C-alpha atoms as a PDB file:
ATOM      1  CA  MET A   1      -0.019   0.049  -0.041  1.00  0.00           C
ATOM      2  CA  THR A   2       1.348   3.420  -0.861  1.00  0.00           C
ATOM      3  CA  ARG A   3       1.269   6.344   1.401  1.00  0.00           C
ATOM      4  CA  THR A   4      -1.406   9.028   0.761  1.00  0.00           C
ATOM      5  CA  ARG A   5      -0.270  11.794  -1.434  1.00  0.00           C
ATOM      6  CA  PRO A   6      -0.998  15.438  -0.564  1.00  0.00           C
ATOM      7  CA  VAL A   7      -2.243  16.082  -4.153  1.00  0.00           C
ATOM      8  CA  THR A   8      -4.950  13.444  -3.643  1.00  0.00           C
ATOM      9  CA  LEU A   9      -6.057  14.883  -0.338  1.00  0.00           C
ATOM     10  CA  ILE A  10      -6.198  18.423  -1.796  1.00  0.00           C
ATOM     11  CA  LEU A  11      -8.154  17.293  -4.755  1.00  0.00           C
ATOM     12  CA  ILE A  12     -10.681  15.428  -2.576  1.00  0.00           C
ATOM     13  CA  ALA A  13     -11.114  18.486  -0.451  1.00  0.00           C
ATOM     14  CA  VAL A  14     -11.566  20.839  -3.332  1.00  0.00           C
ATOM     15  CA  PHE A  15     -14.218  18.760  -5.071  1.00  0.00           C
ATOM     16  CA  ALA A  16     -16.095  18.047  -1.742  1.00  0.00           C
ATOM     17  CA  GLY A  17     -16.069  21.651  -0.936  1.00  0.00           C
ATOM     18  CA  ALA A  18     -17.419  22.516  -4.469  1.00  0.00           C
ATOM     19  CA  GLY A  19     -20.004  19.768  -4.126  1.00  0.00           C
ATOM     20  CA  ALA A  20     -21.199  20.863  -0.715  1.00  0.00           C
ATOM     21  CA  TRP A  21     -21.541  24.550  -1.892  1.00  0.00           C
ATOM     22  CA  LEU A  22     -23.554  23.425  -4.928  1.00  0.00           C
ATOM     23  CA  VAL A  23     -25.817  21.150  -2.740  1.00  0.00           C
ATOM     24  CA  GLU A  24     -26.549  24.068  -0.404  1.00  0.00           C
ATOM     25  CA  ILE A  25     -27.456  26.363  -3.315  1.00  0.00           C
ATOM     26  CA  ALA A  26     -29.724  23.590  -4.773  1.00  0.00           C
ATOM     27  CA  LEU A  27     -31.448  23.047  -1.467  1.00  0.00           C
ATOM     28  CA  LEU A  28     -32.156  26.725  -1.033  1.00  0.00           C
ATOM     29  CA  ALA A  29     -33.403  27.041  -4.562  1.00  0.00           C
ATOM     30  CA  ALA A  30     -35.782  24.200  -3.911  1.00  0.00           C
ATOM     31  CA  GLY A  31     -37.116  25.939  -0.858  1.00  0.00           C
ATOM     32  CA  GLN A  32     -35.452  23.552   1.643  1.00  0.00           C
ATOM     33  CA  ALA A  33     -33.352  24.320   4.614  1.00  0.00           C
ATOM     34  CA  ALA A  34     -29.501  24.517   4.370  1.00  0.00           C
ATOM     35  CA  VAL A  35     -27.587  21.536   5.761  1.00  0.00           C
ATOM     36  CA  VAL A  36     -25.684  22.397   9.029  1.00  0.00           C
ATOM     37  CA  PRO A  37     -23.459  19.740  10.497  1.00  0.00           C
ATOM     38  CA  ALA A  38     -24.145  18.710  14.111  1.00  0.00           C
ATOM     39  CA  ALA A  39     -21.555  19.210  16.850  1.00  0.00           C
ATOM     40  CA  THR A  40     -21.425  15.463  17.453  1.00  0.00           C
ATOM     41  CA  LEU A  41     -19.995  15.073  13.972  1.00  0.00           C
ATOM     42  CA  ALA A  42     -17.024  17.158  14.884  1.00  0.00           C
ATOM     43  CA  LEU A  43     -16.552  15.295  18.060  1.00  0.00           C
ATOM     44  CA  ALA A  44     -16.823  11.909  16.411  1.00  0.00           C
ATOM     45  CA  LEU A  45     -14.282  12.804  13.749  1.00  0.00           C
ATOM     46  CA  ALA A  46     -11.698  14.054  16.276  1.00  0.00           C
ATOM     47  CA  VAL A  47     -12.187  10.918  18.525  1.00  0.00           C
ATOM     48  CA  ILE A  48     -11.622   8.676  15.428  1.00  0.00           C
ATOM     49  CA  GLY A  49      -8.518  10.669  14.568  1.00  0.00           C
ATOM     50  CA  VAL A  50      -7.122  10.176  18.039  1.00  0.00           C
ATOM     51  CA  LEU A  51      -7.984   6.456  18.052  1.00  0.00           C
ATOM     52  CA  ASP A  52      -6.116   5.975  14.747  1.00  0.00           C
ATOM     53  CA  VAL A  53      -2.932   7.161  16.392  1.00  0.00           C
ATOM     54  CA  ALA A  54      -3.534   5.231  19.600  1.00  0.00           C
ATOM     55  CA  LEU A  55      -3.926   1.997  17.577  1.00  0.00           C
ATOM     56  CA  ALA A  56      -0.868   2.537  15.597  1.00  0.00           C
ATOM     57  CA  LEU A  57       1.482   3.247  18.490  1.00  0.00           C
ATOM     58  CA  PRO A  58       1.868  -0.495  19.543  1.00  0.00           C
ATOM     59  CA  ILE A  59       2.783  -1.251  15.863  1.00  0.00           C
ATOM     60  CA  ARG A  60       5.471   1.369  15.845  1.00  0.00           C
ATOM     61  CA  ARG A  61       6.897   0.094  19.213  1.00  0.00           C
ATOM     62  CA  ALA A  62       7.045  -3.373  17.945  1.00  0.00           C
ATOM     63  CA  VAL A  63       8.758  -2.485  14.782  1.00  0.00           C
ATOM     64  CA  LYS A  64      11.325  -0.371  16.495  1.00  0.00           C
ATOM     65  CA  ASP A  65      12.168  -3.139  19.081  1.00  0.00           C
ATOM     66  CA  ARG A  66      12.216  -6.183  16.884  1.00  0.00           C
ATOM     67  CA  GLN A  67      13.606  -8.577  19.598  1.00  0.00           C
ATOM     68  CA  ARG A  68      10.940  -7.688  22.152  1.00  0.00           C
ATOM     69  CA  ALA A  69       7.567  -8.078  20.361  1.00  0.00           C
ATOM     70  CA  ARG A  70       6.038  -9.511  17.373  1.00  0.00           C
ATOM     71  CA  VAL A  71       3.594  -7.620  15.168  1.00  0.00           C
ATOM     72  CA  ASP A  72       0.397  -9.340  14.166  1.00  0.00           C
ATOM     73  CA  PRO A  73       0.321  -8.637  10.416  1.00  0.00           C
ATOM     74  CA  PHE A  74      -3.555  -8.749  10.235  1.00  0.00           C
ATOM     75  CA  TYR A  75      -3.807  -6.157  12.987  1.00  0.00           C
ATOM     76  CA  ALA A  76      -1.182  -3.944  11.336  1.00  0.00           C
ATOM     77  CA  THR A  77      -2.920  -4.282   7.960  1.00  0.00           C
ATOM     78  CA  ARG A  78      -6.224  -3.400   9.538  1.00  0.00           C
ATOM     79  CA  VAL A  79      -4.734  -0.324  11.265  1.00  0.00           C
ATOM     80  CA  ALA A  80      -2.918   0.862   8.184  1.00  0.00           C
ATOM     81  CA  MET A  81      -6.181   0.610   6.142  1.00  0.00           C
ATOM     82  CA  LEU A  82      -8.034   2.533   8.772  1.00  0.00           C
ATOM     83  CA  ALA A  83      -5.353   5.233   8.743  1.00  0.00           C
ATOM     84  CA  LYS A  84      -5.606   5.488   4.992  1.00  0.00           C
ATOM     85  CA  ALA A  85      -9.399   5.579   5.121  1.00  0.00           C
ATOM     86  CA  SER A  86      -9.221   8.237   7.948  1.00  0.00           C
ATOM     87  CA  SER A  87      -7.005  10.511   5.987  1.00  0.00           C
ATOM     88  CA  LEU A  88      -9.176  10.408   2.976  1.00  0.00           C
ATOM     89  CA  SER A  89     -12.314  10.860   4.955  1.00  0.00           C
ATOM     90  CA  GLY A  90     -10.750  13.735   6.856  1.00  0.00           C
ATOM     91  CA  SER A  91      -9.958  15.473   3.570  1.00  0.00           C
ATOM     92  CA  LEU A  92     -13.459  14.940   2.423  1.00  0.00           C
ATOM     93  CA  PHE A  93     -15.107  16.195   5.489  1.00  0.00           C
ATOM     94  CA  THR A  94     -12.741  19.268   5.612  1.00  0.00           C
ATOM     95  CA  GLY A  95     -13.763  20.170   2.055  1.00  0.00           C
ATOM     96  CA  VAL A  96     -17.376  19.720   2.848  1.00  0.00           C
ATOM     97  CA  GLY A  97     -17.005  21.922   6.048  1.00  0.00           C
ATOM     98  CA  VAL A  98     -15.222  24.569   4.097  1.00  0.00           C
ATOM     99  CA  GLY A  99     -17.971  24.549   1.354  1.00  0.00           C
ATOM    100  CA  ILE A 100     -20.617  25.046   3.856  1.00  0.00           C
ATOM    101  CA  VAL A 101     -18.732  27.839   5.696  1.00  0.00           C
ATOM    102  CA  LEU A 102     -18.243  29.609   2.325  1.00  0.00           C
ATOM    103  CA  PHE A 103     -21.915  29.283   1.499  1.00  0.00           C
ATOM    104  CA  LEU A 104     -23.246  30.383   4.897  1.00  0.00           C
ATOM    105  CA  SER A 105     -20.692  33.400   4.804  1.00  0.00           C
ATOM    106  CA  THR A 106     -22.122  34.615   1.554  1.00  0.00           C
ATOM    107  CA  ARG A 107     -25.693  34.942   2.732  1.00  0.00           C
ATOM    108  CA  SER A 108     -27.088  38.444   3.545  1.00  0.00           C
ATOM    109  CA  VAL A 109     -27.973  37.359   7.033  1.00  0.00           C
ATOM    110  CA  LEU A 110     -25.089  35.526   8.850  1.00  0.00           C
ATOM    111  CA  ALA A 111     -26.156  32.524  10.932  1.00  0.00           C
ATOM    112  CA  VAL A 112     -23.317  32.649  13.517  1.00  0.00           C
ATOM    113  CA  GLY A 113     -24.321  29.330  15.204  1.00  0.00           C
ATOM    114  CA  SER A 114     -24.422  27.491  11.929  1.00  0.00           C
ATOM    115  CA  ILE A 115     -21.060  28.781  10.818  1.00  0.00           C
ATOM    116  CA  LEU A 116     -19.512  27.810  14.215  1.00  0.00           C
ATOM    117  CA  MET A 117     -20.854  24.261  13.759  1.00  0.00           C
ATOM    118  CA  ALA A 118     -19.302  24.141  10.279  1.00  0.00           C
ATOM    119  CA  VAL A 119     -16.071  25.409  11.706  1.00  0.00           C
ATOM    120  CA  ALA A 120     -16.231  22.736  14.352  1.00  0.00           C
ATOM    121  CA  THR A 121     -16.671  20.089  11.699  1.00  0.00           C
ATOM    122  CA  ILE A 122     -13.636  21.450   9.864  1.00  0.00           C
ATOM    123  CA  VAL A 123     -11.532  21.304  13.086  1.00  0.00           C
ATOM    124  CA  GLY A 124     -12.668  17.715  13.745  1.00  0.00           C
ATOM    125  CA  ALA A 125     -12.083  16.701  10.202  1.00  0.00           C
ATOM    126  CA  VAL A 126      -8.495  18.095  10.236  1.00  0.00           C
ATOM    127  CA  VAL A 127      -7.828  16.124  13.422  1.00  0.00           C
ATOM    128  CA  LEU A 128      -9.051  13.022  11.553  1.00  0.00           C
ATOM    129  CA  LEU A 129      -6.826  13.816   8.611  1.00  0.00           C
ATOM    130  CA  VAL A 130      -3.803  14.407  10.635  1.00  0.00           C
ATOM    131  CA  GLY A 131      -4.496  11.464  12.824  1.00  0.00           C
ATOM    132  CA  GLY A 132      -4.728   9.221   9.750  1.00  0.00           C
ATOM    133  CA  LEU A 133      -1.547  10.498   8.226  1.00  0.00           C
ATOM    134  CA  VAL A 134       0.384  10.029  11.510  1.00  0.00           C
ATOM    135  CA  ALA A 135      -0.957   6.515  11.885  1.00  0.00           C
ATOM    136  CA  GLU A 136       0.072   5.782   8.330  1.00  0.00           C
ATOM    137  CA  HIS A 137       3.525   6.920   9.129  1.00  0.00           C
ATOM    138  CA  LEU A 138       3.639   4.872  12.319  1.00  0.00           C
ATOM    139  CA  CYS A 139       2.625   1.752  10.480  1.00  0.00           C
ATOM    140  CA  SER A 140       5.383   2.108   7.842  1.00  0.00           C
ATOM    141  CA  ILE A 141       8.389  -0.225   8.113  1.00  0.00           C
ATOM    142  CA  PRO A 142      11.828   1.382   8.251  1.00  0.00           C
ATOM    143  CA  PRO A 143      14.283   0.062   5.705  1.00  0.00           C
ATOM    144  CA  ASP A 144      16.655  -2.707   6.793  1.00  0.00           C
ATOM    145  CA  ASP A 145      20.270  -1.977   7.665  1.00  0.00           C
ATOM    146  CA  GLU A 146      21.386  -3.625   4.381  1.00  0.00           C
ATOM    147  CA  ASP A 147      19.133  -1.363   2.376  1.00  0.00           C
ATOM    148  CA  LYS A 148      20.631   1.626   4.185  1.00  0.00           C
ATOM    149  CA  ARG A 149      24.214   0.489   3.316  1.00  0.00           C
ATOM    150  CA  GLU A 150      23.171   0.048  -0.403  1.00  0.00           C
ATOM    151  CA  GLN A 151      21.721   3.405  -0.421  1.00  0.00           C
ATOM    152  CA  LEU A 152      24.729   5.069   1.058  1.00  0.00           C
ATOM    153  CA  ASP A 153      27.272   2.988  -0.996  1.00  0.00           C
ATOM    154  CA  PRO A 154      26.006   1.761  -4.420  1.00  0.00           C
ATOM    155  CA  ALA A 155      29.131  -0.382  -4.713  1.00  0.00           C
ATOM    156  CA  VAL A 156      27.958  -2.726  -2.077  1.00  0.00           C
ATOM    157  CA  VAL A 157      26.665  -5.935  -3.660  1.00  0.00           C
ATOM    158  CA  ARG A 158      24.159  -7.990  -1.962  1.00  0.00           C
ATOM    159  CA  PRO A 159      25.175 -11.838  -2.005  1.00  0.00           C
ATOM    160  CA  HIS A 160      22.636 -14.065  -3.803  1.00  0.00           C
END
């Protein structure tokens, strides 16, 4: 599995923000109420981001101290996949929150409570995004000592 690229995260956030903005316009044009995220969404996103890091820490400890502990590969795979999904979801929710804030801030009457809820969603989503990226980093395997020597000295030939 490759690490999440920043370009991917930025593109997801931009498209999600534009989509949220367009959905808000369409809802108001149809006579419906605008969508405002709940405070519990922001809290849930932040908690999941923190749990990502907490689940990845034992993997990093076991990888750093190879003689002491053994890593369950299924657990490590699940945590790495959760971290990847969290970074992508965090980017998506960040874009949606920004789109809602931009839409609400262009209205003639500012709904401060709704804007604050959308900002809280952005903060929770950023915590999820960062937690996912940190957990991805913690689940990566450092290169072996032989790989380091080959990178430093290309003349070193590995025996077959």
